[in-house]
Amino acid sequence: MKQLGEDQFYLVREDVLTESMQKMLEAKRLLVSGEATTIQEATAQVGLSRSAFYKYKDAVYPFEAIARERVLTVFIQLEDLKGSLAVLMELISSSHCNVLTIHQTIPVQGRANITLSLDVTEMDISMEAFIHKLKGPSFVDSVHLVSSGAL
């Protein structure tokens, strides 16, 4: 059985967010607006610990931020096989995503890590289906969502 929150995304009303989540969003707003120049300054202004800020910063976003900027960053661990990167690029292309950046580590003991930043503005499947699709090839060990475009 899939665990709650694993590869699933939800849209929730602000009033059901915890106080820490709401303060983290306010701290992000202060940083974007320039009213605060550091995370330390922003969290102090809203009365939030830096650890709480970091806990939620890559998991909770204002709806407008996601709708405006559709950049997805994923971390993929895979077996180092000839052509494996080409297979992943084809899966990404067939989902109508555009690769913005790619970083692949030097393989160690037959394993490599890839970090991809993707423009998913024109993606034609759900985020959950896309992540599942990336996990499909037998050479893929794991796929982790790092961020989804908001600060």
N, C-alpha and C. Protein backbone atom coordinates (compact mmCIF):
# COMPACT_ATOMS: atom_id res chain seq x y z
N MET A 1 0.84 -1.19 0.00
CA MET A 1 0.00 0.00 0.00
C MET A 1 0.88 1.25 0.00
N LYS A 2 0.52 2.22 -0.81
CA LYS A 2 1.26 3.47 -0.89
C LYS A 2 1.06 4.27 0.40
N GLN A 3 2.15 4.81 0.92
CA GLN A 3 2.06 5.62 2.13
C GLN A 3 1.56 7.02 1.79
N LEU A 4 0.85 7.63 2.73
CA LEU A 4 0.32 8.97 2.54
C LEU A 4 1.44 9.93 2.19
N GLY A 5 1.25 10.70 1.16
CA GLY A 5 2.21 11.71 0.76
C GLY A 5 3.27 11.22 -0.21
N GLU A 6 3.38 9.93 -0.42
CA GLU A 6 4.38 9.40 -1.33
C GLU A 6 3.93 9.61 -2.77
N ASP A 7 4.64 10.48 -3.47
CA ASP A 7 4.36 10.78 -4.87
C ASP A 7 2.97 11.37 -5.11
N GLN A 8 2.37 11.99 -4.12
CA GLN A 8 1.06 12.61 -4.31
C GLN A 8 1.14 14.08 -3.93
N PHE A 9 0.32 14.89 -4.58
CA PHE A 9 0.31 16.31 -4.34
C PHE A 9 -1.12 16.75 -4.08
N TYR A 10 -1.28 17.76 -3.21
CA TYR A 10 -2.60 18.20 -2.81
C TYR A 10 -2.68 19.72 -2.87
N LEU A 11 -3.84 20.22 -3.13
CA LEU A 11 -4.13 21.64 -3.06
C LEU A 11 -5.01 21.82 -1.84
N VAL A 12 -4.55 22.61 -0.86
CA VAL A 12 -5.32 22.79 0.38
C VAL A 12 -5.54 24.28 0.65
N ARG A 13 -6.60 24.57 1.39
CA ARG A 13 -6.89 25.96 1.77
C ARG A 13 -5.89 26.41 2.84
N GLU A 14 -5.59 27.69 2.84
CA GLU A 14 -4.63 28.27 3.78
C GLU A 14 -5.02 28.01 5.23
N ASP A 15 -6.30 28.05 5.54
CA ASP A 15 -6.72 27.93 6.94
C ASP A 15 -6.49 26.54 7.54
N VAL A 16 -6.16 25.55 6.72
CA VAL A 16 -5.87 24.23 7.27
C VAL A 16 -4.37 23.98 7.41
N LEU A 17 -3.55 24.91 6.95
CA LEU A 17 -2.11 24.80 7.12
C LEU A 17 -1.75 25.05 8.58
N THR A 18 -0.69 24.41 9.04
CA THR A 18 -0.23 24.67 10.40
C THR A 18 0.31 26.10 10.48
N GLU A 19 0.41 26.61 11.69
CA GLU A 19 0.95 27.94 11.90
C GLU A 19 2.38 28.05 11.36
N SER A 20 3.17 27.00 11.55
CA SER A 20 4.56 27.00 11.04
C SER A 20 4.59 27.09 9.52
N MET A 21 3.70 26.38 8.86
CA MET A 21 3.66 26.43 7.40
C MET A 21 3.28 27.84 6.93
N GLN A 22 2.31 28.45 7.59
CA GLN A 22 1.89 29.79 7.21
C GLN A 22 3.02 30.80 7.44
N LYS A 23 3.76 30.65 8.54
CA LYS A 23 4.89 31.55 8.80
C LYS A 23 6.01 31.34 7.79
N MET A 24 6.23 30.10 7.39
CA MET A 24 7.25 29.82 6.38
C MET A 24 6.88 30.50 5.06
N LEU A 25 5.61 30.43 4.67
CA LEU A 25 5.16 31.10 3.45
C LEU A 25 5.35 32.61 3.54
N GLU A 26 5.08 33.17 4.71
CA GLU A 26 5.28 34.61 4.91
C GLU A 26 6.77 34.94 4.84
N ALA A 27 7.61 34.11 5.40
CA ALA A 27 9.06 34.33 5.32
C ALA A 27 9.53 34.29 3.87
N LYS A 28 9.02 33.36 3.08
CA LYS A 28 9.35 33.30 1.66
C LYS A 28 8.93 34.59 0.96
N ARG A 29 7.73 35.09 1.29
CA ARG A 29 7.24 36.32 0.69
C ARG A 29 8.17 37.49 1.02
N LEU A 30 8.63 37.55 2.28
CA LEU A 30 9.55 38.62 2.69
C LEU A 30 10.85 38.56 1.89
N LEU A 31 11.33 37.36 1.64
CA LEU A 31 12.57 37.20 0.87
C LEU A 31 12.39 37.63 -0.58
N VAL A 32 11.28 37.23 -1.19
CA VAL A 32 11.00 37.58 -2.59
C VAL A 32 10.82 39.09 -2.74
N SER A 33 10.12 39.71 -1.79
CA SER A 33 9.83 41.14 -1.88
C SER A 33 11.04 42.01 -1.53
N GLY A 34 12.06 41.41 -0.93
CA GLY A 34 13.22 42.18 -0.51
C GLY A 34 13.09 42.79 0.87
N GLU A 35 11.96 42.54 1.54
CA GLU A 35 11.78 43.05 2.90
C GLU A 35 12.72 42.35 3.88
N ALA A 36 13.22 41.20 3.50
CA ALA A 36 14.25 40.49 4.25
C ALA A 36 15.28 40.01 3.24
N THR A 37 16.55 40.05 3.64
CA THR A 37 17.60 39.67 2.69
C THR A 37 18.19 38.29 2.98
N THR A 38 17.95 37.76 4.17
CA THR A 38 18.46 36.44 4.51
C THR A 38 17.34 35.61 5.13
N ILE A 39 17.51 34.31 5.10
CA ILE A 39 16.53 33.43 5.74
C ILE A 39 16.48 33.70 7.23
N GLN A 40 17.64 33.94 7.83
CA GLN A 40 17.69 34.26 9.26
C GLN A 40 16.83 35.48 9.57
N GLU A 41 16.97 36.51 8.77
CA GLU A 41 16.21 37.75 8.96
C GLU A 41 14.70 37.51 8.76
N ALA A 42 14.35 36.80 7.71
CA ALA A 42 12.93 36.54 7.41
C ALA A 42 12.27 35.71 8.50
N THR A 43 12.95 34.66 8.96
CA THR A 43 12.35 33.81 10.00
C THR A 43 12.23 34.57 11.32
N ALA A 44 13.18 35.43 11.61
CA ALA A 44 13.10 36.23 12.84
C ALA A 44 11.90 37.18 12.78
N GLN A 45 11.66 37.78 11.61
CA GLN A 45 10.55 38.71 11.46
C GLN A 45 9.19 38.04 11.65
N VAL A 46 9.08 36.78 11.26
CA VAL A 46 7.78 36.10 11.37
C VAL A 46 7.68 35.22 12.61
N GLY A 47 8.76 35.12 13.38
CA GLY A 47 8.73 34.31 14.60
C GLY A 47 8.75 32.81 14.32
N LEU A 48 9.63 32.39 13.43
CA LEU A 48 9.73 30.98 13.03
C LEU A 48 11.18 30.54 13.14
N SER A 49 11.41 29.32 13.58
CA SER A 49 12.77 28.80 13.63
C SER A 49 13.26 28.51 12.22
N ARG A 50 14.57 28.61 12.04
CA ARG A 50 15.13 28.29 10.72
C ARG A 50 14.91 26.83 10.38
N SER A 51 14.94 25.95 11.38
CA SER A 51 14.73 24.52 11.09
C SER A 51 13.32 24.27 10.57
N ALA A 52 12.32 24.97 11.10
CA ALA A 52 10.95 24.83 10.60
C ALA A 52 10.85 25.38 9.18
N PHE A 53 11.54 26.48 8.92
CA PHE A 53 11.55 27.04 7.56
C PHE A 53 12.08 26.00 6.58
N TYR A 54 13.24 25.41 6.90
CA TYR A 54 13.84 24.42 6.00
C TYR A 54 13.01 23.15 5.89
N LYS A 55 12.30 22.81 6.95
CA LYS A 55 11.45 21.61 6.93
C LYS A 55 10.36 21.73 5.87
N TYR A 56 9.77 22.91 5.73
CA TYR A 56 8.62 23.09 4.84
C TYR A 56 8.92 23.80 3.53
N LYS A 57 10.09 24.44 3.38
CA LYS A 57 10.33 25.33 2.23
C LYS A 57 10.22 24.64 0.88
N ASP A 58 10.54 23.36 0.80
CA ASP A 58 10.46 22.65 -0.48
C ASP A 58 9.22 21.79 -0.59
N ALA A 59 8.29 21.96 0.34
CA ALA A 59 7.09 21.12 0.33
C ALA A 59 5.78 21.91 0.25
N VAL A 60 5.80 23.18 0.65
CA VAL A 60 4.57 23.98 0.68
C VAL A 60 4.80 25.25 -0.15
N TYR A 61 3.90 25.47 -1.11
CA TYR A 61 4.03 26.61 -2.01
C TYR A 61 2.70 27.32 -2.17
N PRO A 62 2.74 28.64 -2.37
CA PRO A 62 1.51 29.33 -2.75
C PRO A 62 1.08 28.84 -4.13
N PHE A 63 -0.20 28.68 -4.33
CA PHE A 63 -0.71 28.17 -5.60
C PHE A 63 -0.22 29.00 -6.78
N GLU A 64 -0.18 30.33 -6.63
CA GLU A 64 0.23 31.20 -7.72
C GLU A 64 1.66 30.92 -8.15
N ALA A 65 2.53 30.59 -7.20
CA ALA A 65 3.93 30.32 -7.54
C ALA A 65 4.06 29.09 -8.41
N ILE A 66 3.29 28.07 -8.12
CA ILE A 66 3.35 26.85 -8.91
C ILE A 66 2.74 27.09 -10.29
N ALA A 67 1.64 27.81 -10.34
CA ALA A 67 0.98 28.07 -11.62
C ALA A 67 1.85 28.94 -12.53
N ARG A 68 2.63 29.84 -11.93
CA ARG A 68 3.43 30.77 -12.69
C ARG A 68 4.73 30.14 -13.19
N GLU A 69 5.37 29.36 -12.37
CA GLU A 69 6.67 28.80 -12.71
C GLU A 69 6.63 27.30 -12.56
N ARG A 70 6.73 26.61 -13.64
CA ARG A 70 6.60 25.15 -13.63
C ARG A 70 7.95 24.50 -13.89
N VAL A 71 8.84 24.60 -12.91
CA VAL A 71 10.15 23.96 -13.01
C VAL A 71 10.18 22.85 -11.98
N LEU A 72 10.52 21.68 -12.43
CA LEU A 72 10.58 20.51 -11.57
C LEU A 72 12.04 20.06 -11.49
N THR A 73 12.52 19.79 -10.30
CA THR A 73 13.87 19.24 -10.14
C THR A 73 13.74 17.86 -9.54
N VAL A 74 14.34 16.88 -10.21
CA VAL A 74 14.28 15.49 -9.75
C VAL A 74 15.70 14.94 -9.61
N PHE A 75 15.84 14.03 -8.65
CA PHE A 75 17.10 13.34 -8.40
C PHE A 75 16.86 11.87 -8.70
N ILE A 76 17.66 11.31 -9.59
CA ILE A 76 17.48 9.93 -10.03
C ILE A 76 18.75 9.14 -9.74
N GLN A 77 18.58 8.00 -9.09
CA GLN A 77 19.69 7.08 -8.87
C GLN A 77 19.48 5.90 -9.81
N LEU A 78 20.54 5.53 -10.53
CA LEU A 78 20.37 4.48 -11.53
C LEU A 78 21.62 3.65 -11.72
N GLU A 79 21.40 2.49 -12.33
CA GLU A 79 22.49 1.62 -12.73
C GLU A 79 23.13 2.24 -13.96
N ASP A 80 24.46 2.25 -14.00
CA ASP A 80 25.17 2.86 -15.12
C ASP A 80 25.23 1.88 -16.29
N LEU A 81 24.29 2.01 -17.21
CA LEU A 81 24.24 1.18 -18.41
C LEU A 81 24.29 2.07 -19.64
N LYS A 82 24.92 1.57 -20.69
CA LYS A 82 24.99 2.31 -21.95
C LYS A 82 23.58 2.60 -22.45
N GLY A 83 23.30 3.87 -22.75
CA GLY A 83 22.01 4.27 -23.29
C GLY A 83 20.96 4.60 -22.26
N SER A 84 21.26 4.43 -20.96
CA SER A 84 20.24 4.69 -19.94
C SER A 84 19.81 6.16 -19.91
N LEU A 85 20.76 7.06 -20.07
CA LEU A 85 20.40 8.48 -20.08
C LEU A 85 19.53 8.81 -21.28
N ALA A 86 19.82 8.20 -22.42
CA ALA A 86 19.00 8.43 -23.63
C ALA A 86 17.57 7.95 -23.40
N VAL A 87 17.40 6.83 -22.71
CA VAL A 87 16.05 6.31 -22.42
C VAL A 87 15.31 7.31 -21.54
N LEU A 88 15.98 7.83 -20.50
CA LEU A 88 15.33 8.81 -19.62
C LEU A 88 14.96 10.08 -20.40
N MET A 89 15.84 10.53 -21.28
CA MET A 89 15.55 11.74 -22.07
C MET A 89 14.34 11.52 -22.97
N GLU A 90 14.19 10.32 -23.50
CA GLU A 90 13.04 10.01 -24.34
C GLU A 90 11.75 10.03 -23.51
N LEU A 91 11.80 9.49 -22.29
CA LEU A 91 10.63 9.52 -21.40
C LEU A 91 10.24 10.95 -21.08
N ILE A 92 11.22 11.78 -20.84
CA ILE A 92 10.98 13.19 -20.52
C ILE A 92 10.38 13.90 -21.73
N SER A 93 10.98 13.69 -22.88
CA SER A 93 10.49 14.32 -24.12
C SER A 93 9.07 13.87 -24.46
N SER A 94 8.80 12.58 -24.29
CA SER A 94 7.47 12.07 -24.63
C SER A 94 6.39 12.60 -23.69
N SER A 95 6.79 13.14 -22.55
CA SER A 95 5.84 13.76 -21.61
C SER A 95 5.74 15.26 -21.84
N HIS A 96 6.38 15.74 -22.90
CA HIS A 96 6.37 17.16 -23.29
C HIS A 96 7.04 18.06 -22.26
N CYS A 97 8.13 17.56 -21.68
CA CYS A 97 8.94 18.35 -20.75
C CYS A 97 10.21 18.77 -21.47
N ASN A 98 10.80 19.87 -21.00
CA ASN A 98 12.03 20.38 -21.58
C ASN A 98 13.12 20.36 -20.52
N VAL A 99 14.28 19.79 -20.85
CA VAL A 99 15.40 19.73 -19.91
C VAL A 99 16.05 21.10 -19.85
N LEU A 100 16.12 21.68 -18.64
CA LEU A 100 16.78 22.97 -18.44
C LEU A 100 18.23 22.77 -18.00
N THR A 101 18.45 21.87 -17.05
CA THR A 101 19.80 21.54 -16.60
C THR A 101 19.89 20.05 -16.34
N ILE A 102 21.10 19.53 -16.45
CA ILE A 102 21.34 18.13 -16.15
C ILE A 102 22.72 17.99 -15.54
N HIS A 103 22.78 17.22 -14.47
CA HIS A 103 24.06 16.94 -13.83
C HIS A 103 24.11 15.45 -13.53
N GLN A 104 25.15 14.78 -14.05
CA GLN A 104 25.32 13.36 -13.78
C GLN A 104 26.65 13.16 -13.09
N THR A 105 26.65 12.39 -12.00
CA THR A 105 27.90 12.10 -11.31
C THR A 105 28.68 11.04 -12.08
N ILE A 106 29.94 10.96 -11.79
CA ILE A 106 30.76 9.89 -12.34
C ILE A 106 30.30 8.59 -11.68
N PRO A 107 30.05 7.56 -12.46
CA PRO A 107 29.58 6.30 -11.87
C PRO A 107 30.58 5.71 -10.88
N VAL A 108 30.06 5.23 -9.77
CA VAL A 108 30.86 4.56 -8.76
C VAL A 108 30.20 3.21 -8.50
N GLN A 109 30.97 2.15 -8.62
CA GLN A 109 30.48 0.79 -8.43
C GLN A 109 29.23 0.52 -9.26
N GLY A 110 29.25 1.01 -10.50
CA GLY A 110 28.16 0.73 -11.42
C GLY A 110 26.89 1.52 -11.20
N ARG A 111 26.93 2.55 -10.34
CA ARG A 111 25.77 3.38 -10.04
C ARG A 111 26.09 4.84 -10.31
N ALA A 112 25.10 5.60 -10.77
CA ALA A 112 25.27 7.03 -11.02
C ALA A 112 24.06 7.78 -10.50
N ASN A 113 24.25 9.05 -10.23
CA ASN A 113 23.16 9.94 -9.80
C ASN A 113 22.99 11.03 -10.85
N ILE A 114 21.74 11.35 -11.13
CA ILE A 114 21.42 12.41 -12.08
C ILE A 114 20.46 13.38 -11.42
N THR A 115 20.76 14.66 -11.54
CA THR A 115 19.83 15.70 -11.10
C THR A 115 19.39 16.46 -12.34
N LEU A 116 18.07 16.54 -12.53
CA LEU A 116 17.50 17.20 -13.69
C LEU A 116 16.58 18.34 -13.26
N SER A 117 16.70 19.47 -13.91
CA SER A 117 15.72 20.54 -13.77
C SER A 117 14.96 20.58 -15.08
N LEU A 118 13.64 20.50 -14.97
CA LEU A 118 12.79 20.37 -16.14
C LEU A 118 11.72 21.46 -16.18
N ASP A 119 11.48 21.98 -17.36
CA ASP A 119 10.33 22.86 -17.58
C ASP A 119 9.16 21.94 -17.88
N VAL A 120 8.17 21.92 -16.97
CA VAL A 120 7.03 21.02 -17.13
C VAL A 120 5.76 21.77 -17.49
N THR A 121 5.92 22.98 -18.02
CA THR A 121 4.78 23.81 -18.39
C THR A 121 3.82 23.09 -19.33
N GLU A 122 4.37 22.35 -20.27
CA GLU A 122 3.54 21.67 -21.27
C GLU A 122 3.36 20.18 -20.99
N MET A 123 3.75 19.73 -19.81
CA MET A 123 3.63 18.32 -19.47
C MET A 123 2.17 17.89 -19.59
N ASP A 124 1.95 16.74 -20.22
CA ASP A 124 0.59 16.31 -20.51
C ASP A 124 0.08 15.18 -19.62
N ILE A 125 0.81 14.89 -18.53
CA ILE A 125 0.36 13.87 -17.57
C ILE A 125 0.49 14.45 -16.17
N SER A 126 -0.10 13.79 -15.19
CA SER A 126 -0.02 14.27 -13.81
C SER A 126 1.41 14.13 -13.28
N MET A 127 1.73 14.88 -12.26
CA MET A 127 3.05 14.80 -11.63
C MET A 127 3.30 13.38 -11.12
N GLU A 128 2.31 12.79 -10.50
CA GLU A 128 2.44 11.43 -9.97
C GLU A 128 2.73 10.44 -11.10
N ALA A 129 2.01 10.57 -12.21
CA ALA A 129 2.21 9.67 -13.35
C ALA A 129 3.60 9.88 -13.96
N PHE A 130 4.06 11.12 -14.01
CA PHE A 130 5.37 11.41 -14.56
C PHE A 130 6.48 10.78 -13.73
N ILE A 131 6.41 10.95 -12.41
CA ILE A 131 7.42 10.35 -11.52
C ILE A 131 7.39 8.83 -11.66
N HIS A 132 6.20 8.26 -11.72
CA HIS A 132 6.05 6.81 -11.90
C HIS A 132 6.68 6.37 -13.23
N LYS A 133 6.48 7.16 -14.27
CA LYS A 133 7.04 6.86 -15.59
C LYS A 133 8.57 6.84 -15.54
N LEU A 134 9.17 7.81 -14.81
CA LEU A 134 10.62 7.86 -14.67
C LEU A 134 11.17 6.66 -13.90
N LYS A 135 10.36 6.11 -12.99
CA LYS A 135 10.77 4.94 -12.21
C LYS A 135 10.65 3.64 -12.99
N GLY A 136 10.03 3.69 -14.18
CA GLY A 136 9.72 2.49 -14.96
C GLY A 136 10.88 1.65 -15.44
N PRO A 137 11.92 2.25 -16.03
CA PRO A 137 13.01 1.42 -16.55
C PRO A 137 13.68 0.60 -15.45
N SER A 138 14.07 -0.62 -15.78
CA SER A 138 14.66 -1.53 -14.79
C SER A 138 15.98 -1.02 -14.22
N PHE A 139 16.68 -0.15 -14.95
CA PHE A 139 17.95 0.36 -14.46
C PHE A 139 17.80 1.51 -13.45
N VAL A 140 16.59 2.02 -13.26
CA VAL A 140 16.35 3.13 -12.32
C VAL A 140 16.13 2.56 -10.92
N ASP A 141 16.98 2.99 -9.98
CA ASP A 141 16.86 2.56 -8.59
C ASP A 141 15.81 3.39 -7.85
N SER A 142 15.88 4.72 -8.03
CA SER A 142 14.93 5.59 -7.33
C SER A 142 14.82 6.94 -8.02
N VAL A 143 13.68 7.60 -7.80
CA VAL A 143 13.43 8.94 -8.32
C VAL A 143 12.86 9.74 -7.15
N HIS A 144 13.48 10.89 -6.88
CA HIS A 144 13.02 11.74 -5.78
C HIS A 144 12.74 13.14 -6.30
N LEU A 145 11.61 13.69 -5.92
CA LEU A 145 11.26 15.07 -6.25
C LEU A 145 12.05 15.96 -5.30
N VAL A 146 12.87 16.86 -5.86
CA VAL A 146 13.67 17.76 -5.05
C VAL A 146 12.92 19.07 -4.82
N SER A 147 12.38 19.63 -5.90
CA SER A 147 11.59 20.86 -5.77
C SER A 147 10.69 20.98 -6.98
N SER A 148 9.71 21.88 -6.82
CA SER A 148 8.78 22.06 -7.93
C SER A 148 8.57 23.51 -8.28
N GLY A 149 9.66 24.27 -8.32
CA GLY A 149 9.62 25.57 -8.94
C GLY A 149 9.42 26.78 -8.07
N ALA A 150 9.00 26.65 -6.85
CA ALA A 150 8.80 27.82 -6.01
C ALA A 150 10.07 28.06 -5.19
N LEU A 151 10.18 29.24 -4.64
CA LEU A 151 11.36 29.55 -3.81
C LEU A 151 11.36 28.75 -2.53
